[in-house]
Amino acid sequence: MVKIEIDHDKCENSDCGECADVCPMEILVLEGDKIVIQNKEDCSLCEVCMDVCPQECVTVEDDD
């Protein structure tokens, strides 16, 4: 199982949204003004969301 976490205290959410824009599996999405995680079992562990986050709010790891 994949473990995905967003540090919402550091996240700029709708002011940024870079992680949601680049997620090829549409795991991270912008709902209203907040980034939310959906269907995390579909995550391919590409870690692009981690790479683009300017605040380093997103962590993705294999939880096996």
PDB file of N, CA and C in Angstrom:
ATOM      1  N   MET A   1       0.847  -1.186   0.000  1.00  0.00           N
ATOM      2  CA  MET A   1       0.000   0.000   0.000  1.00  0.00           C
ATOM      3  C   MET A   1       0.891   1.248   0.000  1.00  0.00           C
ATOM      4  N   VAL A   2       0.447   2.257  -0.670  1.00  0.00           N
ATOM      5  CA  VAL A   2       1.171   3.518  -0.765  1.00  0.00           C
ATOM      6  C   VAL A   2       0.753   4.439   0.371  1.00  0.00           C
ATOM      7  N   LYS A   3       1.726   5.112   0.952  1.00  0.00           N
ATOM      8  CA  LYS A   3       1.449   6.100   1.999  1.00  0.00           C
ATOM      9  C   LYS A   3       1.728   7.479   1.417  1.00  0.00           C
ATOM     10  N   ILE A   4       0.698   8.314   1.366  1.00  0.00           N
ATOM     11  CA  ILE A   4       0.811   9.676   0.843  1.00  0.00           C
ATOM     12  C   ILE A   4       0.383  10.638   1.941  1.00  0.00           C
ATOM     13  N   GLU A   5       1.213  11.623   2.205  1.00  0.00           N
ATOM     14  CA  GLU A   5       0.877  12.621   3.216  1.00  0.00           C
ATOM     15  C   GLU A   5       1.097  14.016   2.667  1.00  0.00           C
ATOM     16  N   ILE A   6       0.235  14.921   3.090  1.00  0.00           N
ATOM     17  CA  ILE A   6       0.362  16.339   2.743  1.00  0.00           C
ATOM     18  C   ILE A   6       0.413  17.121   4.044  1.00  0.00           C
ATOM     19  N   ASP A   7       1.451  17.921   4.203  1.00  0.00           N
ATOM     20  CA  ASP A   7       1.557  18.790   5.373  1.00  0.00           C
ATOM     21  C   ASP A   7       0.747  20.051   5.072  1.00  0.00           C
ATOM     22  N   HIS A   8      -0.512  20.039   5.505  1.00  0.00           N
ATOM     23  CA  HIS A   8      -1.409  21.152   5.180  1.00  0.00           C
ATOM     24  C   HIS A   8      -1.026  22.443   5.898  1.00  0.00           C
ATOM     25  N   ASP A   9      -0.194  22.352   6.936  1.00  0.00           N
ATOM     26  CA  ASP A   9       0.261  23.566   7.616  1.00  0.00           C
ATOM     27  C   ASP A   9       1.215  24.364   6.729  1.00  0.00           C
ATOM     28  N   LYS A  10       1.969  23.672   5.876  1.00  0.00           N
ATOM     29  CA  LYS A  10       2.910  24.344   4.969  1.00  0.00           C
ATOM     30  C   LYS A  10       2.322  24.545   3.570  1.00  0.00           C
ATOM     31  N   CYS A  11       1.304  23.753   3.220  1.00  0.00           N
ATOM     32  CA  CYS A  11       0.751  23.742   1.859  1.00  0.00           C
ATOM     33  C   CYS A  11      -0.008  25.028   1.539  1.00  0.00           C
ATOM     34  N   GLU A  12       0.204  25.529   0.316  1.00  0.00           N
ATOM     35  CA  GLU A  12      -0.491  26.737  -0.134  1.00  0.00           C
ATOM     36  C   GLU A  12      -1.781  26.398  -0.878  1.00  0.00           C
ATOM     37  N   ASN A  13      -2.091  25.102  -1.009  1.00  0.00           N
ATOM     38  CA  ASN A  13      -3.329  24.609  -1.600  1.00  0.00           C
ATOM     39  C   ASN A  13      -3.655  25.261  -2.936  1.00  0.00           C
ATOM     40  N   SER A  14      -4.792  25.930  -3.019  1.00  0.00           N
ATOM     41  CA  SER A  14      -5.242  26.463  -4.309  1.00  0.00           C
ATOM     42  C   SER A  14      -4.358  27.588  -4.832  1.00  0.00           C
ATOM     43  N   ASP A  15      -3.558  28.215  -3.969  1.00  0.00           N
ATOM     44  CA  ASP A  15      -2.640  29.256  -4.432  1.00  0.00           C
ATOM     45  C   ASP A  15      -1.484  28.658  -5.222  1.00  0.00           C
ATOM     46  N   CYS A  16      -1.260  27.359  -5.071  1.00  0.00           N
ATOM     47  CA  CYS A  16      -0.174  26.667  -5.765  1.00  0.00           C
ATOM     48  C   CYS A  16      -0.770  25.580  -6.657  1.00  0.00           C
ATOM     49  N   GLY A  17      -1.115  24.434  -6.070  1.00  0.00           N
ATOM     50  CA  GLY A  17      -1.741  23.345  -6.808  1.00  0.00           C
ATOM     51  C   GLY A  17      -0.840  22.604  -7.767  1.00  0.00           C
ATOM     52  N   GLU A  18       0.471  22.824  -7.681  1.00  0.00           N
ATOM     53  CA  GLU A  18       1.404  22.178  -8.605  1.00  0.00           C
ATOM     54  C   GLU A  18       1.307  20.655  -8.546  1.00  0.00           C
ATOM     55  N   CYS A  19       1.197  20.095  -7.343  1.00  0.00           N
ATOM     56  CA  CYS A  19       1.156  18.636  -7.200  1.00  0.00           C
ATOM     57  C   CYS A  19      -0.057  18.042  -7.916  1.00  0.00           C
ATOM     58  N   ALA A  20      -1.188  18.703  -7.802  1.00  0.00           N
ATOM     59  CA  ALA A  20      -2.401  18.225  -8.469  1.00  0.00           C
ATOM     60  C   ALA A  20      -2.272  18.361  -9.987  1.00  0.00           C
ATOM     61  N   ASP A  21      -1.605  19.408 -10.445  1.00  0.00           N
ATOM     62  CA  ASP A  21      -1.439  19.630 -11.887  1.00  0.00           C
ATOM     63  C   ASP A  21      -0.577  18.557 -12.543  1.00  0.00           C
ATOM     64  N   VAL A  22       0.421  18.042 -11.825  1.00  0.00           N
ATOM     65  CA  VAL A  22       1.366  17.111 -12.445  1.00  0.00           C
ATOM     66  C   VAL A  22       1.076  15.637 -12.171  1.00  0.00           C
ATOM     67  N   CYS A  23       0.164  15.338 -11.274  1.00  0.00           N
ATOM     68  CA  CYS A  23      -0.088  13.940 -10.908  1.00  0.00           C
ATOM     69  C   CYS A  23      -0.713  13.186 -12.084  1.00  0.00           C
ATOM     70  N   PRO A  24       0.042  12.232 -12.682  1.00  0.00           N
ATOM     71  CA  PRO A  24      -0.469  11.532 -13.861  1.00  0.00           C
ATOM     72  C   PRO A  24      -1.614  10.578 -13.537  1.00  0.00           C
ATOM     73  N   MET A  25      -1.728  10.168 -12.288  1.00  0.00           N
ATOM     74  CA  MET A  25      -2.777   9.230 -11.886  1.00  0.00           C
ATOM     75  C   MET A  25      -3.975   9.941 -11.249  1.00  0.00           C
ATOM     76  N   GLU A  26      -3.909  11.265 -11.156  1.00  0.00           N
ATOM     77  CA  GLU A  26      -4.956  12.091 -10.554  1.00  0.00           C
ATOM     78  C   GLU A  26      -5.283  11.659  -9.127  1.00  0.00           C
ATOM     79  N   ILE A  27      -4.221  11.364  -8.364  1.00  0.00           N
ATOM     80  CA  ILE A  27      -4.360  10.993  -6.958  1.00  0.00           C
ATOM     81  C   ILE A  27      -4.540  12.250  -6.117  1.00  0.00           C
ATOM     82  N   LEU A  28      -3.748  13.276  -6.418  1.00  0.00           N
ATOM     83  CA  LEU A  28      -3.861  14.552  -5.721  1.00  0.00           C
ATOM     84  C   LEU A  28      -4.729  15.473  -6.566  1.00  0.00           C
ATOM     85  N   VAL A  29      -5.804  15.961  -5.971  1.00  0.00           N
ATOM     86  CA  VAL A  29      -6.734  16.823  -6.695  1.00  0.00           C
ATOM     87  C   VAL A  29      -7.071  18.040  -5.843  1.00  0.00           C
ATOM     88  N   LEU A  30      -7.435  19.093  -6.514  1.00  0.00           N
ATOM     89  CA  LEU A  30      -7.844  20.314  -5.830  1.00  0.00           C
ATOM     90  C   LEU A  30      -9.360  20.282  -5.676  1.00  0.00           C
ATOM     91  N   GLU A  31      -9.820  20.223  -4.436  1.00  0.00           N
ATOM     92  CA  GLU A  31     -11.250  20.263  -4.135  1.00  0.00           C
ATOM     93  C   GLU A  31     -11.524  21.542  -3.389  1.00  0.00           C
ATOM     94  N   GLY A  32     -12.223  22.444  -4.046  1.00  0.00           N
ATOM     95  CA  GLY A  32     -12.429  23.760  -3.447  1.00  0.00           C
ATOM     96  C   GLY A  32     -11.110  24.480  -3.376  1.00  0.00           C
ATOM     97  N   ASP A  33     -10.631  24.732  -2.165  1.00  0.00           N
ATOM     98  CA  ASP A  33      -9.341  25.411  -2.013  1.00  0.00           C
ATOM     99  C   ASP A  33      -8.318  24.529  -1.305  1.00  0.00           C
ATOM    100  N   LYS A  34      -8.543  23.188  -1.307  1.00  0.00           N
ATOM    101  CA  LYS A  34      -7.660  22.283  -0.580  1.00  0.00           C
ATOM    102  C   LYS A  34      -7.244  21.108  -1.458  1.00  0.00           C
ATOM    103  N   ILE A  35      -5.980  20.708  -1.340  1.00  0.00           N
ATOM    104  CA  ILE A  35      -5.481  19.511  -2.015  1.00  0.00           C
ATOM    105  C   ILE A  35      -5.942  18.296  -1.213  1.00  0.00           C
ATOM    106  N   VAL A  36      -6.571  17.335  -1.898  1.00  0.00           N
ATOM    107  CA  VAL A  36      -7.014  16.113  -1.228  1.00  0.00           C
ATOM    108  C   VAL A  36      -6.435  14.894  -1.948  1.00  0.00           C
ATOM    109  N   ILE A  37      -6.359  13.798  -1.210  1.00  0.00           N
ATOM    110  CA  ILE A  37      -5.840  12.543  -1.739  1.00  0.00           C
ATOM    111  C   ILE A  37      -7.018  11.636  -2.049  1.00  0.00           C
ATOM    112  N   GLN A  38      -7.047  11.086  -3.266  1.00  0.00           N
ATOM    113  CA  GLN A  38      -8.111  10.152  -3.633  1.00  0.00           C
ATOM    114  C   GLN A  38      -7.502   8.949  -4.335  1.00  0.00           C
ATOM    115  N   ASN A  39      -8.097   7.793  -4.177  1.00  0.00           N
ATOM    116  CA  ASN A  39      -7.667   6.562  -4.851  1.00  0.00           C
ATOM    117  C   ASN A  39      -6.167   6.320  -4.731  1.00  0.00           C
ATOM    118  N   LYS A  40      -5.635   6.441  -3.510  1.00  0.00           N
ATOM    119  CA  LYS A  40      -4.186   6.310  -3.335  1.00  0.00           C
ATOM    120  C   LYS A  40      -3.660   4.953  -3.761  1.00  0.00           C
ATOM    121  N   GLU A  41      -4.523   3.939  -3.823  1.00  0.00           N
ATOM    122  CA  GLU A  41      -4.090   2.617  -4.282  1.00  0.00           C
ATOM    123  C   GLU A  41      -3.687   2.627  -5.751  1.00  0.00           C
ATOM    124  N   ASP A  42      -4.092   3.664  -6.497  1.00  0.00           N
ATOM    125  CA  ASP A  42      -3.725   3.794  -7.907  1.00  0.00           C
ATOM    126  C   ASP A  42      -2.398   4.521  -8.116  1.00  0.00           C
ATOM    127  N   CYS A  43      -1.787   5.004  -7.042  1.00  0.00           N
ATOM    128  CA  CYS A  43      -0.536   5.754  -7.134  1.00  0.00           C
ATOM    129  C   CYS A  43       0.570   4.867  -7.707  1.00  0.00           C
ATOM    130  N   SER A  44       1.313   5.412  -8.660  1.00  0.00           N
ATOM    131  CA  SER A  44       2.400   4.668  -9.308  1.00  0.00           C
ATOM    132  C   SER A  44       3.755   4.927  -8.643  1.00  0.00           C
ATOM    133  N   LEU A  45       3.768   5.700  -7.567  1.00  0.00           N
ATOM    134  CA  LEU A  45       5.000   6.040  -6.842  1.00  0.00           C
ATOM    135  C   LEU A  45       6.016   6.776  -7.710  1.00  0.00           C
ATOM    136  N   CYS A  46       5.542   7.561  -8.653  1.00  0.00           N
ATOM    137  CA  CYS A  46       6.462   8.298  -9.527  1.00  0.00           C
ATOM    138  C   CYS A  46       7.143   9.458  -8.800  1.00  0.00           C
ATOM    139  N   GLU A  47       6.521   9.953  -7.729  1.00  0.00           N
ATOM    140  CA  GLU A  47       7.055  11.009  -6.875  1.00  0.00           C
ATOM    141  C   GLU A  47       7.196  12.368  -7.565  1.00  0.00           C
ATOM    142  N   VAL A  48       6.540  12.551  -8.692  1.00  0.00           N
ATOM    143  CA  VAL A  48       6.587  13.844  -9.379  1.00  0.00           C
ATOM    144  C   VAL A  48       5.979  14.931  -8.492  1.00  0.00           C
ATOM    145  N   CYS A  49       4.942  14.583  -7.752  1.00  0.00           N
ATOM    146  CA  CYS A  49       4.298  15.554  -6.859  1.00  0.00           C
ATOM    147  C   CYS A  49       5.283  16.076  -5.816  1.00  0.00           C
ATOM    148  N   MET A  50       6.129  15.184  -5.309  1.00  0.00           N
ATOM    149  CA  MET A  50       7.139  15.592  -4.337  1.00  0.00           C
ATOM    150  C   MET A  50       8.163  16.521  -4.984  1.00  0.00           C
ATOM    151  N   ASP A  51       8.533  16.224  -6.216  1.00  0.00           N
ATOM    152  CA  ASP A  51       9.553  16.999  -6.916  1.00  0.00           C
ATOM    153  C   ASP A  51       9.105  18.426  -7.212  1.00  0.00           C
ATOM    154  N   VAL A  52       7.821  18.629  -7.515  1.00  0.00           N
ATOM    155  CA  VAL A  52       7.368  19.958  -7.920  1.00  0.00           C
ATOM    156  C   VAL A  52       6.893  20.828  -6.763  1.00  0.00           C
ATOM    157  N   CYS A  53       6.660  20.244  -5.600  1.00  0.00           N
ATOM    158  CA  CYS A  53       6.122  21.027  -4.482  1.00  0.00           C
ATOM    159  C   CYS A  53       7.170  22.011  -3.959  1.00  0.00           C
ATOM    160  N   PRO A  54       6.909  23.314  -4.097  1.00  0.00           N
ATOM    161  CA  PRO A  54       7.895  24.311  -3.657  1.00  0.00           C
ATOM    162  C   PRO A  54       8.048  24.369  -2.129  1.00  0.00           C
ATOM    163  N   GLN A  55       7.053  23.916  -1.400  1.00  0.00           N
ATOM    164  CA  GLN A  55       7.095  23.950   0.061  1.00  0.00           C
ATOM    165  C   GLN A  55       7.478  22.599   0.668  1.00  0.00           C
ATOM    166  N   GLU A  56       7.735  21.591  -0.188  1.00  0.00           N
ATOM    167  CA  GLU A  56       8.071  20.230   0.260  1.00  0.00           C
ATOM    168  C   GLU A  56       7.028  19.682   1.237  1.00  0.00           C
ATOM    169  N   CYS A  57       5.761  19.806   0.848  1.00  0.00           N
ATOM    170  CA  CYS A  57       4.637  19.387   1.688  1.00  0.00           C
ATOM    171  C   CYS A  57       4.214  17.947   1.445  1.00  0.00           C
ATOM    172  N   VAL A  58       4.575  17.385   0.301  1.00  0.00           N
ATOM    173  CA  VAL A  58       4.073  16.076  -0.090  1.00  0.00           C
ATOM    174  C   VAL A  58       5.134  15.007   0.139  1.00  0.00           C
ATOM    175  N   THR A  59       4.718  13.915   0.785  1.00  0.00           N
ATOM    176  CA  THR A  59       5.593  12.753   0.912  1.00  0.00           C
ATOM    177  C   THR A  59       4.852  11.534   0.374  1.00  0.00           C
ATOM    178  N   VAL A  60       5.572  10.733  -0.386  1.00  0.00           N
ATOM    179  CA  VAL A  60       5.024   9.506  -0.966  1.00  0.00           C
ATOM    180  C   VAL A  60       6.010   8.398  -0.671  1.00  0.00           C
ATOM    181  N   GLU A  61       5.522   7.296  -0.107  1.00  0.00           N
ATOM    182  CA  GLU A  61       6.402   6.158   0.149  1.00  0.00           C
ATOM    183  C   GLU A  61       5.626   4.852   0.033  1.00  0.00           C
ATOM    184  N   ASP A  62       6.355   3.811  -0.269  1.00  0.00           N
ATOM    185  CA  ASP A  62       5.783   2.477  -0.342  1.00  0.00           C
ATOM    186  C   ASP A  62       5.693   1.953   1.081  1.00  0.00           C
ATOM    187  N   ASP A  63       4.505   1.630   1.512  1.00  0.00           N
ATOM    188  CA  ASP A  63       4.267   1.253   2.900  1.00  0.00           C
ATOM    189  C   ASP A  63       4.279  -0.264   3.110  1.00  0.00           C
ATOM    190  N   ASP A  64       4.867  -1.014   2.176  1.00  0.00           N
ATOM    191  CA  ASP A  64       4.899  -2.472   2.307  1.00  0.00           C
ATOM    192  C   ASP A  64       5.979  -2.939   3.257  1.00  0.00           C
TER     193      ASP A  64
END
